[in-house]
Amino acid sequence: MTGTRSQPPRHGGDPLDLPPAPDGLPMMDLATGVNPWSWPVPPPPANCYKVLPYFCPELQGAAARYYGVAEQRILATAGSQPAIQVLPRIVAPGRVLLAEVAYEEHRYRWLLAGHDVQYFSRYGREEIAQRIVAEQIHYLLIISPNNPTGDVVSEEDVRYWRSLLPADGLVVIDQAFADAMPNSDLRALAAEAGIVLLRSVGKFFGLPGLRLGFVIAEPWLLAELDTHLGPWAVCGSAQWIGRKALLDRQWQDDMQHQLMVTARRQGELLKSVFRAYFQQIVVTPLFITMTIPAAQAAVLQQRCYAQGLSVRVYSGGDVAYMRWGLASDQTLLAQRLKSLCLSDLAA
């Protein structure tokens, strides 16, 4: 499931890629890692659709407060995807280092823009540092929490890696899942040169269709991104809804707790069902990932489909990473997992 110059990655949750749902078992979408309890969206005013969506100071202010950064260091985008696509095209060609198992759009977009892409196998401080120096890396791409492995990096490690890059190098950190994990938040790095943070409203707020995200970086880089993204990059309804969601502190606090409790409960359920098959299991507030031998993972995924469970599998060579998003109905999930046929599958 790796991206190439000519073949874009395929993403979990696409209805066109799923097998037909079993009779009487509508498919439970557990492939996306999106909060199943969305922020309650009020109807936007009609004016959101009647005027062009120019820069919105109210959204800018709300985002700056939410992320704890200066307003001149944040840029609203239509989700983090546009920044992932454009950023590799506006920086000079160079050697990029990123995780071998990660959100595949990063790999694909840097390759597509003509960069020399190298991969590291694990989020080790010294392993990455040695690669930066030995291979003359110019751009380091980090995902924290990593999708799908759940790895989290520290501010100290990021600063260390940044110090090893050239003066015009960048550390790009995708934090799409960070809202649900306060201990993973790297906003303290926002004022530092050569560091770019990508944030998404879709995952934690449960609003992927809103298409709203933010880039936090130095003003010169944001200006360059803004130029390439063009005018009216974020629609009027997303600006209006996003501002209200970012200011709803009570909902955010309550949801962080709810996700943590639910993820732990679902993690225990998955452990009990798949104990004989996974090598490792990682529980995060928005997804749970099991490391499984690749051949078994393919069979397990098909067996899950047969019980109306859509789950995502990432390839990692001899092993695979089966990622489960949170189920809004844990009782229904338990019932379907109980019906899985696993007795003939070698442990």
C-alpha atoms as a PDB file:
ATOM      1  CA  MET A   1       0.000   0.000   0.000  1.00  0.00           C
ATOM      2  CA  THR A   2       2.815   2.411  -0.804  1.00  0.00           C
ATOM      3  CA  GLY A   3       2.440   5.404  -3.052  1.00  0.00           C
ATOM      4  CA  THR A   4       4.417   5.782  -6.269  1.00  0.00           C
ATOM      5  CA  ARG A   5       4.701   8.643  -8.749  1.00  0.00           C
ATOM      6  CA  SER A   6       1.960   7.164 -10.928  1.00  0.00           C
ATOM      7  CA  GLN A   7      -0.295   5.439  -8.398  1.00  0.00           C
ATOM      8  CA  PRO A   8      -1.879   7.474  -5.590  1.00  0.00           C
ATOM      9  CA  PRO A   9      -2.487   5.765  -2.250  1.00  0.00           C
ATOM     10  CA  ARG A  10      -5.872   4.217  -1.624  1.00  0.00           C
ATOM     11  CA  HIS A  11      -7.525   5.227   1.606  1.00  0.00           C
ATOM     12  CA  GLY A  12      -9.605   3.260   4.076  1.00  0.00           C
ATOM     13  CA  GLY A  13     -13.300   3.919   4.317  1.00  0.00           C
ATOM     14  CA  ASP A  14     -13.943   4.490   0.603  1.00  0.00           C
ATOM     15  CA  PRO A  15     -17.323   2.790  -0.010  1.00  0.00           C
ATOM     16  CA  LEU A  16     -16.249   1.904  -3.556  1.00  0.00           C
ATOM     17  CA  ASP A  17     -13.376  -0.197  -2.196  1.00  0.00           C
ATOM     18  CA  LEU A  18     -15.459  -2.186   0.283  1.00  0.00           C
ATOM     19  CA  PRO A  19     -17.003  -5.585  -0.429  1.00  0.00           C
ATOM     20  CA  PRO A  20     -20.788  -5.753  -0.326  1.00  0.00           C
ATOM     21  CA  ALA A  21     -22.154  -5.654   3.211  1.00  0.00           C
ATOM     22  CA  PRO A  22     -23.396  -9.036   4.470  1.00  0.00           C
ATOM     23  CA  ASP A  23     -27.155  -9.503   4.470  1.00  0.00           C
ATOM     24  CA  GLY A  24     -28.631  -7.809   7.517  1.00  0.00           C
ATOM     25  CA  LEU A  25     -25.251  -6.449   8.649  1.00  0.00           C
ATOM     26  CA  PRO A  26     -24.716  -2.856   7.500  1.00  0.00           C
ATOM     27  CA  MET A  27     -20.976  -2.203   7.461  1.00  0.00           C
ATOM     28  CA  MET A  28     -19.545  -0.521  10.574  1.00  0.00           C
ATOM     29  CA  ASP A  29     -16.926   1.957   9.352  1.00  0.00           C
ATOM     30  CA  LEU A  30     -13.931   1.493  11.640  1.00  0.00           C
ATOM     31  CA  ALA A  31     -11.352   2.270   8.949  1.00  0.00           C
ATOM     32  CA  THR A  32     -10.987   6.036   9.250  1.00  0.00           C
ATOM     33  CA  GLY A  33      -9.870   6.810  12.811  1.00  0.00           C
ATOM     34  CA  VAL A  34     -12.404   9.635  13.036  1.00  0.00           C
ATOM     35  CA  ASN A  35     -14.259  10.454  16.275  1.00  0.00           C
ATOM     36  CA  PRO A  36     -17.700   8.805  15.906  1.00  0.00           C
ATOM     37  CA  TRP A  37     -19.302  11.402  18.224  1.00  0.00           C
ATOM     38  CA  SER A  38     -19.101  14.565  16.147  1.00  0.00           C
ATOM     39  CA  TRP A  39     -19.231  18.050  17.544  1.00  0.00           C
ATOM     40  CA  PRO A  40     -22.947  19.054  17.258  1.00  0.00           C
ATOM     41  CA  VAL A  41     -23.092  21.257  14.182  1.00  0.00           C
ATOM     42  CA  PRO A  42     -25.733  24.031  14.194  1.00  0.00           C
ATOM     43  CA  PRO A  43     -27.108  25.163  10.822  1.00  0.00           C
ATOM     44  CA  PRO A  44     -24.786  27.811   9.350  1.00  0.00           C
ATOM     45  CA  PRO A  45     -26.396  31.102   8.356  1.00  0.00           C
ATOM     46  CA  ALA A  46     -27.393  31.406   4.707  1.00  0.00           C
ATOM     47  CA  ASN A  47     -24.863  34.190   4.229  1.00  0.00           C
ATOM     48  CA  CYS A  48     -22.076  31.564   4.408  1.00  0.00           C
ATOM     49  CA  TYR A  49     -23.154  30.450   0.952  1.00  0.00           C
ATOM     50  CA  LYS A  50     -23.980  33.851  -0.536  1.00  0.00           C
ATOM     51  CA  VAL A  51     -20.598  35.581  -0.309  1.00  0.00           C
ATOM     52  CA  LEU A  52     -17.091  34.541  -1.265  1.00  0.00           C
ATOM     53  CA  PRO A  53     -15.168  33.118   1.707  1.00  0.00           C
ATOM     54  CA  TYR A  54     -12.350  35.578   2.121  1.00  0.00           C
ATOM     55  CA  PHE A  55      -9.981  35.566   5.111  1.00  0.00           C
ATOM     56  CA  CYS A  56     -11.973  35.273   8.338  1.00  0.00           C
ATOM     57  CA  PRO A  57     -10.455  37.156  11.314  1.00  0.00           C
ATOM     58  CA  GLU A  58     -12.845  35.450  13.745  1.00  0.00           C
ATOM     59  CA  LEU A  59     -11.698  31.974  12.646  1.00  0.00           C
ATOM     60  CA  GLN A  60      -8.073  33.091  12.741  1.00  0.00           C
ATOM     61  CA  GLY A  61      -8.446  34.343  16.300  1.00  0.00           C
ATOM     62  CA  ALA A  62     -10.293  31.225  17.469  1.00  0.00           C
ATOM     63  CA  ALA A  63      -7.659  28.949  15.927  1.00  0.00           C
ATOM     64  CA  ALA A  64      -4.787  30.934  17.435  1.00  0.00           C
ATOM     65  CA  ARG A  65      -6.375  30.605  20.882  1.00  0.00           C
ATOM     66  CA  TYR A  66      -7.169  26.927  20.449  1.00  0.00           C
ATOM     67  CA  TYR A  67      -3.651  26.010  19.316  1.00  0.00           C
ATOM     68  CA  GLY A  68      -1.948  28.533  21.589  1.00  0.00           C
ATOM     69  CA  VAL A  69       0.031  30.281  18.854  1.00  0.00           C
ATOM     70  CA  ALA A  70       0.378  33.798  17.472  1.00  0.00           C
ATOM     71  CA  GLU A  71      -2.135  34.687  14.756  1.00  0.00           C
ATOM     72  CA  GLN A  72       0.602  35.484  12.231  1.00  0.00           C
ATOM     73  CA  ARG A  73       1.886  31.914  12.505  1.00  0.00           C
ATOM     74  CA  ILE A  74      -1.278  30.059  11.489  1.00  0.00           C
ATOM     75  CA  LEU A  75      -2.984  29.505   8.146  1.00  0.00           C
ATOM     76  CA  ALA A  76      -6.421  27.951   7.619  1.00  0.00           C
ATOM     77  CA  THR A  77      -6.645  25.319   4.884  1.00  0.00           C
ATOM     78  CA  ALA A  78      -9.282  22.937   3.536  1.00  0.00           C
ATOM     79  CA  GLY A  79      -8.046  20.151   5.806  1.00  0.00           C
ATOM     80  CA  SER A  80      -4.375  19.258   6.123  1.00  0.00           C
ATOM     81  CA  GLN A  81      -4.414  17.493   2.747  1.00  0.00           C
ATOM     82  CA  PRO A  82      -3.853  20.651   0.627  1.00  0.00           C
ATOM     83  CA  ALA A  83      -0.771  21.505   2.678  1.00  0.00           C
ATOM     84  CA  ILE A  84       0.520  17.934   2.315  1.00  0.00           C
ATOM     85  CA  GLN A  85       0.156  18.292  -1.446  1.00  0.00           C
ATOM     86  CA  VAL A  86       1.535  21.805  -1.880  1.00  0.00           C
ATOM     87  CA  LEU A  87       4.391  21.952   0.628  1.00  0.00           C
ATOM     88  CA  PRO A  88       6.699  19.558  -1.276  1.00  0.00           C
ATOM     89  CA  ARG A  89       6.240  21.701  -4.401  1.00  0.00           C
ATOM     90  CA  ILE A  90       7.240  25.039  -2.904  1.00  0.00           C
ATOM     91  CA  VAL A  91      10.512  23.994  -1.269  1.00  0.00           C
ATOM     92  CA  ALA A  92      13.778  23.305  -3.049  1.00  0.00           C
ATOM     93  CA  PRO A  93      14.449  19.692  -4.115  1.00  0.00           C
ATOM     94  CA  GLY A  94      16.174  17.718  -1.403  1.00  0.00           C
ATOM     95  CA  ARG A  95      16.423  14.449   0.455  1.00  0.00           C
ATOM     96  CA  VAL A  96      13.432  13.628   2.659  1.00  0.00           C
ATOM     97  CA  LEU A  97      13.332  11.218   5.591  1.00  0.00           C
ATOM     98  CA  LEU A  98      10.016   9.804   6.784  1.00  0.00           C
ATOM     99  CA  ALA A  99       8.576   6.736   8.491  1.00  0.00           C
ATOM    100  CA  GLU A 100       8.317   3.565   6.443  1.00  0.00           C
ATOM    101  CA  VAL A 101       4.852   2.869   7.868  1.00  0.00           C
ATOM    102  CA  ALA A 102       2.792   6.058   7.969  1.00  0.00           C
ATOM    103  CA  TYR A 103      -0.009   7.996   6.301  1.00  0.00           C
ATOM    104  CA  GLU A 104       0.864   7.286   2.677  1.00  0.00           C
ATOM    105  CA  GLU A 105      -0.033  10.672   1.194  1.00  0.00           C
ATOM    106  CA  HIS A 106       3.184  12.164   2.596  1.00  0.00           C
ATOM    107  CA  ARG A 107       5.384   9.645   0.818  1.00  0.00           C
ATOM    108  CA  TYR A 108       3.454   9.960  -2.429  1.00  0.00           C
ATOM    109  CA  ARG A 109       3.411  13.771  -2.535  1.00  0.00           C
ATOM    110  CA  TRP A 110       7.138  14.192  -1.814  1.00  0.00           C
ATOM    111  CA  LEU A 111       7.934  11.601  -4.481  1.00  0.00           C
ATOM    112  CA  LEU A 112       5.580  13.250  -6.934  1.00  0.00           C
ATOM    113  CA  ALA A 113       7.332  16.605  -6.418  1.00  0.00           C
ATOM    114  CA  GLY A 114      10.679  15.049  -7.355  1.00  0.00           C
ATOM    115  CA  HIS A 115      12.334  14.727  -3.939  1.00  0.00           C
ATOM    116  CA  ASP A 116      14.631  11.869  -2.943  1.00  0.00           C
ATOM    117  CA  VAL A 117      12.648  10.031  -0.265  1.00  0.00           C
ATOM    118  CA  GLN A 118      14.294   7.818   2.342  1.00  0.00           C
ATOM    119  CA  TYR A 119      12.615   5.851   5.131  1.00  0.00           C
ATOM    120  CA  PHE A 120      13.280   5.036   8.768  1.00  0.00           C
ATOM    121  CA  SER A 121      11.836   1.955  10.445  1.00  0.00           C
ATOM    122  CA  ARG A 122      11.249   3.220  13.977  1.00  0.00           C
ATOM    123  CA  TYR A 123      10.924   6.486  15.897  1.00  0.00           C
ATOM    124  CA  GLY A 124      14.257   6.246  17.682  1.00  0.00           C
ATOM    125  CA  ARG A 125      16.024   9.471  18.662  1.00  0.00           C
ATOM    126  CA  GLU A 126      19.520   8.364  17.699  1.00  0.00           C
ATOM    127  CA  GLU A 127      18.486   6.226  14.732  1.00  0.00           C
ATOM    128  CA  ILE A 128      16.840   9.222  13.076  1.00  0.00           C
ATOM    129  CA  ALA A 129      19.706  11.540  14.067  1.00  0.00           C
ATOM    130  CA  GLN A 130      22.280   9.232  12.504  1.00  0.00           C
ATOM    131  CA  ARG A 131      20.274   8.995   9.294  1.00  0.00           C
ATOM    132  CA  ILE A 132      19.953  12.783   9.072  1.00  0.00           C
ATOM    133  CA  VAL A 133      23.703  13.228   9.296  1.00  0.00           C
ATOM    134  CA  ALA A 134      24.865  10.225   7.251  1.00  0.00           C
ATOM    135  CA  GLU A 135      22.413  10.745   4.401  1.00  0.00           C
ATOM    136  CA  GLN A 136      22.437  14.554   4.343  1.00  0.00           C
ATOM    137  CA  ILE A 137      18.720  14.809   4.943  1.00  0.00           C
ATOM    138  CA  HIS A 138      17.132  18.168   4.142  1.00  0.00           C
ATOM    139  CA  TYR A 139      13.531  17.574   5.210  1.00  0.00           C
ATOM    140  CA  LEU A 140      12.318  15.390   8.067  1.00  0.00           C
ATOM    141  CA  LEU A 141       8.672  14.315   8.044  1.00  0.00           C
ATOM    142  CA  ILE A 142       7.224  13.197  11.372  1.00  0.00           C
ATOM    143  CA  ILE A 143       3.695  12.041  12.199  1.00  0.00           C
ATOM    144  CA  SER A 144       2.898  12.283  15.911  1.00  0.00           C
ATOM    145  CA  PRO A 145       0.830  10.434  16.973  1.00  0.00           C
ATOM    146  CA  ASN A 146       1.874   8.280  14.041  1.00  0.00           C
ATOM    147  CA  ASN A 147      -0.835   6.726  11.956  1.00  0.00           C
ATOM    148  CA  PRO A 148      -1.062   3.739  12.315  1.00  0.00           C
ATOM    149  CA  THR A 149       1.639   2.818  14.869  1.00  0.00           C
ATOM    150  CA  GLY A 150       0.711   5.412  17.519  1.00  0.00           C
ATOM    151  CA  ASP A 151       4.319   6.580  18.067  1.00  0.00           C
ATOM    152  CA  VAL A 152       4.650   9.973  19.748  1.00  0.00           C
ATOM    153  CA  VAL A 153       7.753  12.187  19.627  1.00  0.00           C
ATOM    154  CA  SER A 154       8.922  14.734  22.192  1.00  0.00           C
ATOM    155  CA  GLU A 155       9.726  18.432  21.823  1.00  0.00           C
ATOM    156  CA  GLU A 156      13.326  17.678  22.811  1.00  0.00           C
ATOM    157  CA  ASP A 157      13.745  15.093  20.060  1.00  0.00           C
ATOM    158  CA  VAL A 158      12.264  17.407  17.431  1.00  0.00           C
ATOM    159  CA  ARG A 159      14.612  20.220  18.454  1.00  0.00           C
ATOM    160  CA  TYR A 160      17.563  17.818  18.359  1.00  0.00           C
ATOM    161  CA  TRP A 161      16.690  16.582  14.876  1.00  0.00           C
ATOM    162  CA  ARG A 162      16.099  20.128  13.654  1.00  0.00           C
ATOM    163  CA  SER A 163      19.574  21.145  14.848  1.00  0.00           C
ATOM    164  CA  LEU A 164      21.095  18.480  12.594  1.00  0.00           C
ATOM    165  CA  LEU A 165      19.327  19.667   9.445  1.00  0.00           C
ATOM    166  CA  PRO A 166      20.745  22.438   7.235  1.00  0.00           C
ATOM    167  CA  ALA A 167      19.737  26.022   7.967  1.00  0.00           C
ATOM    168  CA  ASP A 168      17.051  25.970   5.282  1.00  0.00           C
ATOM    169  CA  GLY A 169      15.823  22.488   6.211  1.00  0.00           C
ATOM    170  CA  LEU A 170      12.418  21.725   7.670  1.00  0.00           C
ATOM    171  CA  VAL A 171      10.866  19.378  10.202  1.00  0.00           C
ATOM    172  CA  VAL A 172       7.268  18.839   9.103  1.00  0.00           C
ATOM    173  CA  ILE A 173       5.066  17.331  11.821  1.00  0.00           C
ATOM    174  CA  ASP A 174       1.628  15.972  10.997  1.00  0.00           C
ATOM    175  CA  GLN A 175      -0.469  16.200  14.174  1.00  0.00           C
ATOM    176  CA  ALA A 176      -3.854  15.214  12.772  1.00  0.00           C
ATOM    177  CA  PHE A 177      -4.561  12.979  15.797  1.00  0.00           C
ATOM    178  CA  ALA A 178      -2.992  15.195  18.476  1.00  0.00           C
ATOM    179  CA  ASP A 179      -6.187  16.912  19.710  1.00  0.00           C
ATOM    180  CA  ALA A 180      -7.291  13.760  21.517  1.00  0.00           C
ATOM    181  CA  MET A 181      -3.847  13.271  23.116  1.00  0.00           C
ATOM    182  CA  PRO A 182      -2.798  16.458  24.948  1.00  0.00           C
ATOM    183  CA  ASN A 183       0.552  14.911  25.886  1.00  0.00           C
ATOM    184  CA  SER A 184       1.424  14.629  22.190  1.00  0.00           C
ATOM    185  CA  ASP A 185       0.772  18.303  21.399  1.00  0.00           C
ATOM    186  CA  LEU A 186       3.874  20.058  20.025  1.00  0.00           C
ATOM    187  CA  ARG A 187       2.496  23.600  19.895  1.00  0.00           C
ATOM    188  CA  ALA A 188       5.466  24.776  22.010  1.00  0.00           C
ATOM    189  CA  LEU A 189       7.569  24.436  18.839  1.00  0.00           C
ATOM    190  CA  ALA A 190       5.361  26.810  16.861  1.00  0.00           C
ATOM    191  CA  ALA A 191       7.636  29.834  17.238  1.00  0.00           C
ATOM    192  CA  GLU A 192      10.793  28.015  16.194  1.00  0.00           C
ATOM    193  CA  ALA A 193      12.431  28.340  12.782  1.00  0.00           C
ATOM    194  CA  GLY A 194      12.290  25.440  10.374  1.00  0.00           C
ATOM    195  CA  ILE A 195       9.361  23.662  12.031  1.00  0.00           C
ATOM    196  CA  VAL A 196       5.964  23.158  10.381  1.00  0.00           C
ATOM    197  CA  LEU A 197       2.939  21.767  12.249  1.00  0.00           C
ATOM    198  CA  LEU A 198      -0.074  20.385  10.394  1.00  0.00           C
ATOM    199  CA  ARG A 199      -3.339  20.257  12.341  1.00  0.00           C
ATOM    200  CA  SER A 200      -6.736  18.897  11.341  1.00  0.00           C
ATOM    201  CA  VAL A 201     -10.218  19.619  12.660  1.00  0.00           C
ATOM    202  CA  GLY A 202     -11.694  16.496  11.071  1.00  0.00           C
ATOM    203  CA  LYS A 203     -10.362  13.713  13.305  1.00  0.00           C
ATOM    204  CA  PHE A 204     -11.027  14.902  16.867  1.00  0.00           C
ATOM    205  CA  PHE A 205     -14.150  16.942  16.132  1.00  0.00           C
ATOM    206  CA  GLY A 206     -15.566  14.117  14.019  1.00  0.00           C
ATOM    207  CA  LEU A 207     -16.068  16.416  11.025  1.00  0.00           C
ATOM    208  CA  PRO A 208     -13.892  15.106   8.168  1.00  0.00           C
ATOM    209  CA  GLY A 209     -16.364  16.387   5.597  1.00  0.00           C
ATOM    210  CA  LEU A 210     -15.945  19.929   6.891  1.00  0.00           C
ATOM    211  CA  ARG A 211     -12.499  20.037   5.237  1.00  0.00           C
ATOM    212  CA  LEU A 212     -10.801  22.359   7.712  1.00  0.00           C
ATOM    213  CA  GLY A 213      -7.240  22.274   8.970  1.00  0.00           C
ATOM    214  CA  PHE A 214      -4.376  24.586   9.853  1.00  0.00           C
ATOM    215  CA  VAL A 215      -0.690  24.995   9.109  1.00  0.00           C
ATOM    216  CA  ILE A 216       1.448  26.478  11.886  1.00  0.00           C
ATOM    217  CA  ALA A 217       4.798  27.765  10.664  1.00  0.00           C
ATOM    218  CA  GLU A 218       6.941  30.836  10.026  1.00  0.00           C
ATOM    219  CA  PRO A 219       5.065  33.703   8.338  1.00  0.00           C
ATOM    220  CA  TRP A 220       7.171  33.566   5.146  1.00  0.00           C
ATOM    221  CA  LEU A 221       6.274  29.908   4.585  1.00  0.00           C
ATOM    222  CA  LEU A 222       2.599  30.502   5.316  1.00  0.00           C
ATOM    223  CA  ALA A 223       2.591  33.354   2.788  1.00  0.00           C
ATOM    224  CA  GLU A 224       4.089  31.054   0.159  1.00  0.00           C
ATOM    225  CA  LEU A 225       1.547  28.336   0.924  1.00  0.00           C
ATOM    226  CA  ASP A 226      -1.286  30.851   0.822  1.00  0.00           C
ATOM    227  CA  THR A 227      -0.188  32.042  -2.617  1.00  0.00           C
ATOM    228  CA  HIS A 228      -0.185  28.518  -4.015  1.00  0.00           C
ATOM    229  CA  LEU A 229      -3.469  27.510  -2.382  1.00  0.00           C
ATOM    230  CA  GLY A 230      -5.171  30.512  -3.939  1.00  0.00           C
ATOM    231  CA  PRO A 231      -8.143  32.605  -2.838  1.00  0.00           C
ATOM    232  CA  TRP A 232     -11.229  31.255  -1.064  1.00  0.00           C
ATOM    233  CA  ALA A 233      -9.402  28.129   0.100  1.00  0.00           C
ATOM    234  CA  VAL A 234     -11.796  27.443   3.012  1.00  0.00           C
ATOM    235  CA  CYS A 235     -15.535  27.576   2.333  1.00  0.00           C
ATOM    236  CA  GLY A 236     -17.777  29.926   4.304  1.00  0.00           C
ATOM    237  CA  SER A 237     -19.646  27.222   6.213  1.00  0.00           C
ATOM    238  CA  ALA A 238     -16.370  25.582   7.313  1.00  0.00           C
ATOM    239  CA  GLN A 239     -15.127  28.947   8.581  1.00  0.00           C
ATOM    240  CA  TRP A 240     -18.304  29.557  10.565  1.00  0.00           C
ATOM    241  CA  ILE A 241     -18.610  26.024  11.986  1.00  0.00           C
ATOM    242  CA  GLY A 242     -14.903  25.719  12.675  1.00  0.00           C
ATOM    243  CA  ARG A 243     -14.792  28.925  14.717  1.00  0.00           C
ATOM    244  CA  LYS A 244     -17.615  27.748  16.960  1.00  0.00           C
ATOM    245  CA  ALA A 245     -16.150  24.273  17.409  1.00  0.00           C
ATOM    246  CA  LEU A 246     -12.694  25.600  18.296  1.00  0.00           C
ATOM    247  CA  LEU A 247     -14.190  27.852  20.968  1.00  0.00           C
ATOM    248  CA  ASP A 248     -16.297  25.107  22.598  1.00  0.00           C
ATOM    249  CA  ARG A 249     -13.903  24.260  25.419  1.00  0.00           C
ATOM    250  CA  GLN A 250     -16.410  22.285  27.486  1.00  0.00           C
ATOM    251  CA  TRP A 251     -17.187  19.906  24.624  1.00  0.00           C
ATOM    252  CA  GLN A 252     -13.472  19.458  23.945  1.00  0.00           C
ATOM    253  CA  ASP A 253     -12.673  18.572  27.562  1.00  0.00           C
ATOM    254  CA  ASP A 254     -15.608  16.180  27.842  1.00  0.00           C
ATOM    255  CA  MET A 255     -14.758  14.509  24.528  1.00  0.00           C
ATOM    256  CA  GLN A 256     -11.117  13.942  25.402  1.00  0.00           C
ATOM    257  CA  HIS A 257     -12.278  11.998  28.460  1.00  0.00           C
ATOM    258  CA  GLN A 258     -14.945  10.075  26.556  1.00  0.00           C
ATOM    259  CA  LEU A 259     -12.530   9.025  23.826  1.00  0.00           C
ATOM    260  CA  MET A 260      -9.919   7.889  26.315  1.00  0.00           C
ATOM    261  CA  VAL A 261     -12.409   5.746  28.255  1.00  0.00           C
ATOM    262  CA  THR A 262     -13.935   4.241  25.106  1.00  0.00           C
ATOM    263  CA  ALA A 263     -10.565   3.480  23.528  1.00  0.00           C
ATOM    264  CA  ARG A 264      -9.395   1.644  26.631  1.00  0.00           C
ATOM    265  CA  ARG A 265     -12.597  -0.404  26.731  1.00  0.00           C
ATOM    266  CA  GLN A 266     -12.389  -1.247  23.038  1.00  0.00           C
ATOM    267  CA  GLY A 267      -8.704  -2.050  23.377  1.00  0.00           C
ATOM    268  CA  GLU A 268      -9.471  -4.619  26.050  1.00  0.00           C
ATOM    269  CA  LEU A 269     -12.190  -6.115  23.868  1.00  0.00           C
ATOM    270  CA  LEU A 270      -9.824  -6.476  20.901  1.00  0.00           C
ATOM    271  CA  LYS A 271      -7.129  -7.966  23.115  1.00  0.00           C
ATOM    272  CA  SER A 272      -9.530 -10.647  24.342  1.00  0.00           C
ATOM    273  CA  VAL A 273     -10.609 -11.578  20.806  1.00  0.00           C
ATOM    274  CA  PHE A 274      -7.254 -11.445  19.002  1.00  0.00           C
ATOM    275  CA  ARG A 275      -4.886 -12.340  21.848  1.00  0.00           C
ATOM    276  CA  ALA A 276      -3.519 -15.366  19.966  1.00  0.00           C
ATOM    277  CA  TYR A 277      -2.804 -13.448  16.773  1.00  0.00           C
ATOM    278  CA  PHE A 278      -1.335  -9.999  17.387  1.00  0.00           C
ATOM    279  CA  GLN A 279       2.307  -9.353  18.240  1.00  0.00           C
ATOM    280  CA  GLN A 280       1.650  -5.926  19.717  1.00  0.00           C
ATOM    281  CA  ILE A 281      -1.353  -3.707  20.326  1.00  0.00           C
ATOM    282  CA  VAL A 282      -1.285   0.077  20.724  1.00  0.00           C
ATOM    283  CA  VAL A 283      -4.272   1.983  22.097  1.00  0.00           C
ATOM    284  CA  THR A 284      -4.713   5.685  21.315  1.00  0.00           C
ATOM    285  CA  PRO A 285      -7.845   7.797  21.920  1.00  0.00           C
ATOM    286  CA  LEU A 286      -8.894   7.683  18.249  1.00  0.00           C
ATOM    287  CA  PHE A 287      -7.624   4.335  16.992  1.00  0.00           C
ATOM    288  CA  ILE A 288      -6.242   1.000  18.127  1.00  0.00           C
ATOM    289  CA  THR A 289      -3.587  -0.784  16.086  1.00  0.00           C
ATOM    290  CA  MET A 290      -2.617  -4.442  16.195  1.00  0.00           C
ATOM    291  CA  THR A 291       0.671  -5.638  14.683  1.00  0.00           C
ATOM    292  CA  ILE A 292      -0.022  -8.983  12.988  1.00  0.00           C
ATOM    293  CA  PRO A 293       1.862 -11.246  10.557  1.00  0.00           C
ATOM    294  CA  ALA A 294       0.995 -10.005   7.083  1.00  0.00           C
ATOM    295  CA  ALA A 295      -0.574 -13.236   5.835  1.00  0.00           C
ATOM    296  CA  GLN A 296      -2.855 -13.476   8.864  1.00  0.00           C
ATOM    297  CA  ALA A 297      -3.844  -9.809   8.643  1.00  0.00           C
ATOM    298  CA  ALA A 298      -5.200 -10.239   5.120  1.00  0.00           C
ATOM    299  CA  VAL A 299      -7.342 -13.179   6.223  1.00  0.00           C
ATOM    300  CA  LEU A 300      -8.527 -11.402   9.364  1.00  0.00           C
ATOM    301  CA  GLN A 301      -9.566  -8.350   7.384  1.00  0.00           C
ATOM    302  CA  GLN A 302     -11.733 -10.470   5.078  1.00  0.00           C
ATOM    303  CA  ARG A 303     -13.279 -12.239   8.065  1.00  0.00           C
ATOM    304  CA  CYS A 304     -14.052  -8.849   9.600  1.00  0.00           C
ATOM    305  CA  TYR A 305     -15.700  -7.702   6.368  1.00  0.00           C
ATOM    306  CA  ALA A 306     -17.875 -10.819   6.503  1.00  0.00           C
ATOM    307  CA  GLN A 307     -19.157  -9.682   9.903  1.00  0.00           C
ATOM    308  CA  GLY A 308     -19.825  -6.122   8.742  1.00  0.00           C
ATOM    309  CA  LEU A 309     -16.612  -4.656  10.207  1.00  0.00           C
ATOM    310  CA  SER A 310     -14.580  -2.369   7.942  1.00  0.00           C
ATOM    311  CA  VAL A 311     -11.031  -2.081   9.305  1.00  0.00           C
ATOM    312  CA  ARG A 312      -7.824  -0.675   7.804  1.00  0.00           C
ATOM    313  CA  VAL A 313      -4.687  -2.725   7.167  1.00  0.00           C
ATOM    314  CA  TYR A 314      -1.320  -1.101   6.481  1.00  0.00           C
ATOM    315  CA  SER A 315       1.469  -3.168   4.957  1.00  0.00           C
ATOM    316  CA  GLY A 316       4.819  -3.289   6.740  1.00  0.00           C
ATOM    317  CA  GLY A 317       6.615  -6.076   4.908  1.00  0.00           C
ATOM    318  CA  ASP A 318       6.362  -9.330   6.853  1.00  0.00           C
ATOM    319  CA  VAL A 319       4.003  -7.711   9.337  1.00  0.00           C
ATOM    320  CA  ALA A 320       0.878  -5.645   8.893  1.00  0.00           C
ATOM    321  CA  TYR A 321      -0.811  -3.021  11.036  1.00  0.00           C
ATOM    322  CA  MET A 322      -4.539  -3.525  11.497  1.00  0.00           C
ATOM    323  CA  ARG A 323      -6.026  -0.228  12.632  1.00  0.00           C
ATOM    324  CA  TRP A 324      -9.425  -0.042  14.300  1.00  0.00           C
ATOM    325  CA  GLY A 325     -11.267   3.222  14.679  1.00  0.00           C
ATOM    326  CA  LEU A 326     -13.625   3.599  17.629  1.00  0.00           C
ATOM    327  CA  ALA A 327     -17.082   2.076  17.382  1.00  0.00           C
ATOM    328  CA  SER A 328     -19.924   4.293  18.528  1.00  0.00           C
ATOM    329  CA  ASP A 329     -21.813   1.156  19.582  1.00  0.00           C
ATOM    330  CA  GLN A 330     -19.466  -0.982  21.640  1.00  0.00           C
ATOM    331  CA  THR A 331     -22.170  -3.580  22.313  1.00  0.00           C
ATOM    332  CA  LEU A 332     -22.746  -4.129  18.597  1.00  0.00           C
ATOM    333  CA  LEU A 333     -19.007  -4.343  18.014  1.00  0.00           C
ATOM    334  CA  ALA A 334     -18.685  -7.018  20.710  1.00  0.00           C
ATOM    335  CA  GLN A 335     -21.528  -9.006  19.151  1.00  0.00           C
ATOM    336  CA  ARG A 336     -19.927  -8.976  15.721  1.00  0.00           C
ATOM    337  CA  LEU A 337     -16.484  -9.819  17.060  1.00  0.00           C
ATOM    338  CA  LYS A 338     -18.009 -12.786  18.892  1.00  0.00           C
ATOM    339  CA  SER A 339     -19.246 -14.101  15.549  1.00  0.00           C
ATOM    340  CA  LEU A 340     -15.788 -14.043  13.941  1.00  0.00           C
ATOM    341  CA  CYS A 341     -14.561 -17.447  12.862  1.00  0.00           C
ATOM    342  CA  LEU A 342     -10.907 -17.723  13.996  1.00  0.00           C
ATOM    343  CA  SER A 343     -10.538 -21.357  15.058  1.00  0.00           C
ATOM    344  CA  ASP A 344      -8.891 -22.446  11.771  1.00  0.00           C
ATOM    345  CA  LEU A 345      -6.448 -19.538  11.675  1.00  0.00           C
ATOM    346  CA  ALA A 346      -2.972 -20.556  12.865  1.00  0.00           C
ATOM    347  CA  ALA A 347      -1.686 -18.452  15.730  1.00  0.00           C
END
